Protein backbone atom coordinates (compact mmCIF):
# COMPACT_ATOMS: atom_id res chain seq x y z
CA MET A 1 33.83 -8.88 20.20
CA VAL A 2 35.17 -12.42 20.44
CA PRO A 3 32.29 -14.91 20.66
CA ILE A 4 32.12 -17.19 23.67
CA GLU A 5 32.96 -20.75 22.72
CA LYS A 6 30.36 -23.34 23.64
CA ALA A 7 32.04 -26.59 22.66
CA ALA A 8 32.92 -28.86 25.56
CA SER A 9 36.41 -30.33 25.76
CA PRO A 10 36.68 -34.11 25.42
CA PRO A 11 38.05 -36.06 28.43
CA LEU A 12 41.56 -36.37 26.96
CA ASN A 13 41.78 -32.64 26.39
CA ARG A 14 40.53 -31.94 29.91
CA GLY A 15 43.34 -34.11 31.28
CA LEU A 16 45.86 -32.26 29.16
CA SER A 17 44.40 -28.93 30.31
CA LEU A 18 44.77 -30.02 33.94
CA ALA A 19 48.41 -30.91 33.32
CA GLU A 20 49.06 -27.56 31.63
CA PHE A 21 47.37 -25.63 34.42
CA ALA A 22 49.36 -27.58 37.03
CA VAL A 23 52.59 -26.70 35.22
CA GLY A 24 51.50 -23.06 35.29
CA VAL A 25 50.93 -23.19 39.05
CA VAL A 26 54.37 -24.75 39.57
CA LEU A 27 55.99 -22.07 37.42
CA VAL A 28 54.28 -19.19 39.27
CA ILE A 29 54.89 -20.51 42.78
CA GLY A 30 58.32 -21.92 41.95
CA HIS A 31 59.61 -18.58 40.73
CA ASN A 32 57.82 -16.04 42.90
CA VAL A 33 57.64 -17.85 46.23
CA PHE A 34 60.56 -20.32 46.24
CA ARG A 35 62.83 -18.65 43.66
CA VAL A 36 63.86 -22.00 42.15
CA ILE A 37 62.47 -21.42 38.63
CA PRO A 38 63.20 -18.63 36.12
CA ASN A 39 60.62 -15.88 35.67
CA GLU A 40 57.31 -17.49 34.74
CA VAL A 41 55.97 -14.75 32.46
CA PRO A 42 58.03 -15.45 29.30
CA ILE A 43 57.61 -19.20 29.85
CA LEU A 44 53.82 -18.93 30.17
CA PHE A 45 53.77 -16.58 27.18
CA VAL A 46 55.49 -19.12 24.94
CA LEU A 47 53.62 -22.12 26.36
CA GLY A 48 50.30 -20.33 25.90
CA LEU A 49 50.91 -19.36 22.29
CA VAL A 50 52.21 -22.81 21.35
CA SER A 51 49.50 -24.71 23.26
CA VAL A 52 46.59 -22.74 21.83
CA ARG A 53 48.07 -22.83 18.35
CA LEU A 54 48.38 -26.62 18.47
CA ARG A 55 45.17 -27.44 20.32
CA GLU A 56 42.72 -24.79 19.12
CA GLY A 57 44.33 -24.03 15.78
CA GLY A 58 44.87 -20.30 16.24
CA TRP A 59 45.58 -17.53 18.71
CA ALA A 60 42.07 -16.13 18.33
CA ALA A 61 41.13 -18.68 21.00
CA LEU A 62 43.04 -16.46 23.45
CA GLY A 63 40.94 -13.47 22.41
CA LEU A 64 43.71 -11.90 20.33
CA GLN A 65 41.74 -11.52 17.14
CA ARG A 66 40.78 -8.04 16.01
CA PRO A 67 37.76 -6.84 18.04
CA SER A 68 34.63 -5.73 16.24
CA SER A 69 34.98 -2.28 17.85
CA TRP A 70 38.18 -0.75 19.17
CA THR A 71 36.15 2.07 20.70
CA ILE A 72 34.19 -0.34 22.88
CA THR A 73 37.38 -2.22 23.69
CA VAL A 74 39.07 0.96 24.92
CA LEU A 75 35.98 1.96 26.92
CA PHE A 76 35.95 -1.45 28.63
CA ALA A 77 39.64 -1.02 29.46
CA VAL A 78 39.18 2.52 30.81
CA ALA A 79 36.24 1.39 32.96
CA ALA A 80 38.30 -1.48 34.38
CA THR A 81 41.18 0.92 35.10
CA ILE A 82 38.93 3.34 36.98
CA ILE A 83 37.28 0.54 38.98
CA LYS A 84 40.64 -0.89 40.05
CA ILE A 85 42.02 2.51 41.07
CA VAL A 86 38.90 3.31 43.10
CA LEU A 87 39.05 -0.09 44.81
CA GLU A 88 42.73 0.38 45.58
CA LEU A 89 42.35 3.86 47.03
CA PHE A 90 39.15 3.43 49.01
CA VAL A 91 38.95 -0.28 49.84
CA ILE A 92 42.19 -2.24 49.49
CA ASN A 93 44.71 0.24 50.90
CA PRO A 94 42.61 1.26 53.94
CA ALA A 95 41.80 -2.39 54.72
CA THR A 96 45.33 -3.78 54.34
CA ALA A 97 46.82 -0.88 56.34
CA ARG A 98 45.02 -2.25 59.39
CA PHE A 99 46.92 -5.55 59.27
CA TRP A 100 50.04 -5.34 57.11
CA PRO A 101 52.83 -2.94 56.12
CA ALA A 102 52.44 -1.07 52.84
CA GLU A 103 53.18 -3.14 49.75
CA ILE A 104 56.77 -3.28 48.57
CA ALA A 105 57.46 -1.38 45.36
CA PRO A 106 59.07 -3.17 42.39
CA ALA A 107 62.86 -3.19 42.29
CA GLY A 108 64.22 0.00 40.79
CA ALA A 109 61.05 2.01 41.35
CA ASP A 110 63.04 4.61 43.26
CA ARG A 111 65.08 5.34 40.12
CA VAL A 112 61.93 6.41 38.26
CA VAL A 113 61.29 9.40 40.54
CA HIS A 114 61.88 12.59 38.50
CA ASN A 115 63.91 10.53 36.01
CA LEU A 116 62.28 10.72 32.58
CA SER A 117 64.49 8.14 30.87
CA ALA A 118 63.91 5.61 33.66
CA ALA A 119 60.18 6.33 33.54
CA LEU A 120 60.07 5.72 29.78
CA ILE A 121 61.94 2.43 30.20
CA ALA A 122 59.48 1.45 32.93
CA LEU A 123 56.58 2.24 30.60
CA LEU A 124 58.11 0.12 27.86
CA ILE A 125 58.49 -2.83 30.23
CA SER A 126 54.97 -2.27 31.56
CA TRP A 127 53.36 -2.42 28.12
CA THR A 128 55.39 -5.37 26.83
CA PHE A 129 56.42 -7.71 29.64
CA ALA A 130 53.52 -6.90 31.99
CA ALA A 131 50.50 -5.86 29.94
CA PHE A 132 51.06 -8.06 26.90
CA GLY A 133 53.09 -10.88 28.45
CA GLU A 134 51.17 -11.35 31.69
CA GLU A 135 47.75 -11.05 30.08
CA ILE A 136 48.52 -13.72 27.50
CA GLY A 137 50.05 -15.97 30.16
CA TYR A 138 47.51 -15.50 32.96
CA ARG A 139 44.19 -14.33 31.47
CA GLY A 140 44.50 -15.81 28.01
CA TYR A 141 46.27 -19.10 28.69
CA LEU A 142 45.91 -20.24 32.30
CA THR A 143 42.31 -19.05 32.63
CA LYS A 144 41.38 -20.94 29.47
CA ARG A 145 43.01 -24.15 30.61
CA ALA A 146 41.38 -23.88 34.04
CA ALA A 147 38.00 -23.29 32.38
CA ASP A 148 38.53 -26.41 30.26
CA LEU A 149 38.25 -28.43 33.46
CA GLY A 150 34.63 -27.34 33.76
CA ARG A 151 34.01 -28.06 30.06
CA GLY A 152 34.16 -24.38 29.19
CA SER A 153 30.85 -23.48 30.83
CA LEU A 154 30.21 -19.91 31.97
CA PRO A 155 30.50 -20.87 35.69
CA ALA A 156 33.75 -22.65 34.85
CA TRP A 157 35.13 -19.49 33.25
CA TRP A 158 34.26 -17.39 36.31
CA ALA A 159 35.70 -20.01 38.69
CA ALA A 160 38.85 -20.12 36.56
CA THR A 161 39.08 -16.33 36.68
CA VAL A 162 38.96 -16.36 40.48
CA ALA A 163 41.55 -19.15 40.71
CA VAL A 164 43.95 -17.45 38.30
CA SER A 165 43.46 -14.13 40.11
CA VAL A 166 44.68 -15.74 43.33
CA LEU A 167 47.61 -17.20 41.41
CA PHE A 168 48.28 -13.77 39.91
CA GLY A 169 48.44 -12.38 43.43
CA PHE A 170 51.17 -14.87 44.34
CA GLY A 171 52.87 -13.93 41.10
CA HIS A 172 53.61 -10.66 42.92
CA TYR A 173 54.79 -12.32 46.12
CA TYR A 174 57.69 -9.89 46.46
CA LYS A 175 55.22 -7.09 47.26
CA GLY A 176 54.31 -8.65 50.62
CA PRO A 177 50.81 -9.55 51.91
CA ALA A 178 49.24 -6.20 50.99
CA GLY A 179 50.72 -6.38 47.51
CA ILE A 180 49.59 -9.96 46.99
CA LEU A 181 46.01 -9.01 47.83
CA ASP A 182 46.16 -5.89 45.66
CA SER A 183 47.53 -7.89 42.72
CA ALA A 184 44.87 -10.57 43.21
CA VAL A 185 42.18 -7.89 43.02
CA SER A 186 43.87 -6.52 39.90
CA GLY A 187 43.73 -10.00 38.43
CA LEU A 188 40.05 -10.27 39.28
CA VAL A 189 39.25 -6.92 37.65
CA LEU A 190 41.28 -7.77 34.55
CA GLY A 191 39.78 -11.24 34.35
CA SER A 192 36.28 -9.86 34.76
CA VAL A 193 36.66 -7.31 31.97
CA TYR A 194 38.09 -10.10 29.80
CA LEU A 195 34.95 -12.19 30.32
CA LEU A 196 32.48 -9.32 30.19
CA SER A 197 33.93 -8.23 26.85
CA ARG A 198 33.25 -11.75 25.55
CA ARG A 199 36.84 -12.83 26.06
CA ASN A 200 38.40 -10.00 24.12
CA LEU A 201 41.92 -10.14 25.55
CA TRP A 202 42.73 -6.68 24.22
CA THR A 203 40.51 -5.16 26.92
CA ALA A 204 42.62 -6.79 29.63
CA ILE A 205 45.90 -5.91 27.88
CA LEU A 206 44.90 -2.26 27.55
CA ALA A 207 43.54 -2.05 31.10
CA HIS A 208 46.74 -3.61 32.46
CA GLY A 209 48.80 -1.11 30.48
CA PHE A 210 46.69 1.83 31.63
CA LEU A 211 47.01 0.77 35.28
CA ASP A 212 50.77 0.40 35.03
CA THR A 213 51.04 3.72 33.20
CA VAL A 214 49.20 5.46 36.04
CA ALA A 215 51.57 3.79 38.53
CA VAL A 216 54.67 4.86 36.59
CA VAL A 217 53.48 8.47 36.25
CA TYR A 218 52.56 8.54 39.95
CA THR A 219 56.05 7.30 40.83
CA TYR A 220 57.77 9.67 38.41
CA LEU A 221 56.04 12.63 40.01
CA GLY A 222 57.18 11.44 43.44
CA LEU A 223 53.63 11.19 44.75
CA ASN A 224 54.23 7.89 46.54
CA SER A 225 57.10 9.17 48.67
């Protein structure tokens, strides 16, 4: 697994990390809430890769290096997937149904129902744009920059994970209040498995892909109608 870094960031780097995180917040809120900025995911993806390459010297700082065990990585991802599904079915959905309408499905979700080609396209987007793109942008990049503000300590990483999870929720603003909360919980589960696997980003990428795959299959079978 990827070892946890212990080096503290110097003051100048902490200031730069704050600026980068602030830009990330503006991108997420500007696009998803106010619709005045292009989609934040590809922008964060590029910013994250460039920033970590220049500042840390390599993308392994995101947790993208080859894990010591793919078996353990997959098991972490499967466990995170099961935990999120259980939370959604037995905690989040019953709780949000008391206060808000059901979350709004992504645009075009209705075309996936009993449509194999549309379902395959949705899976492709889920594994590239969502699983890979969002995990690099949110878990790998923004969480790291937020943790820099606390000098990279373990409490700082957990606080950063919570903060980015809330931001991730607003990154799905179109889903309505129930969807924002559900996405924030997803972010917390994905962020937690990222940290618990010693910042192995592949666990979060795989878990994100598994979750979206379940959602696509569920929609394809018409079980959410």
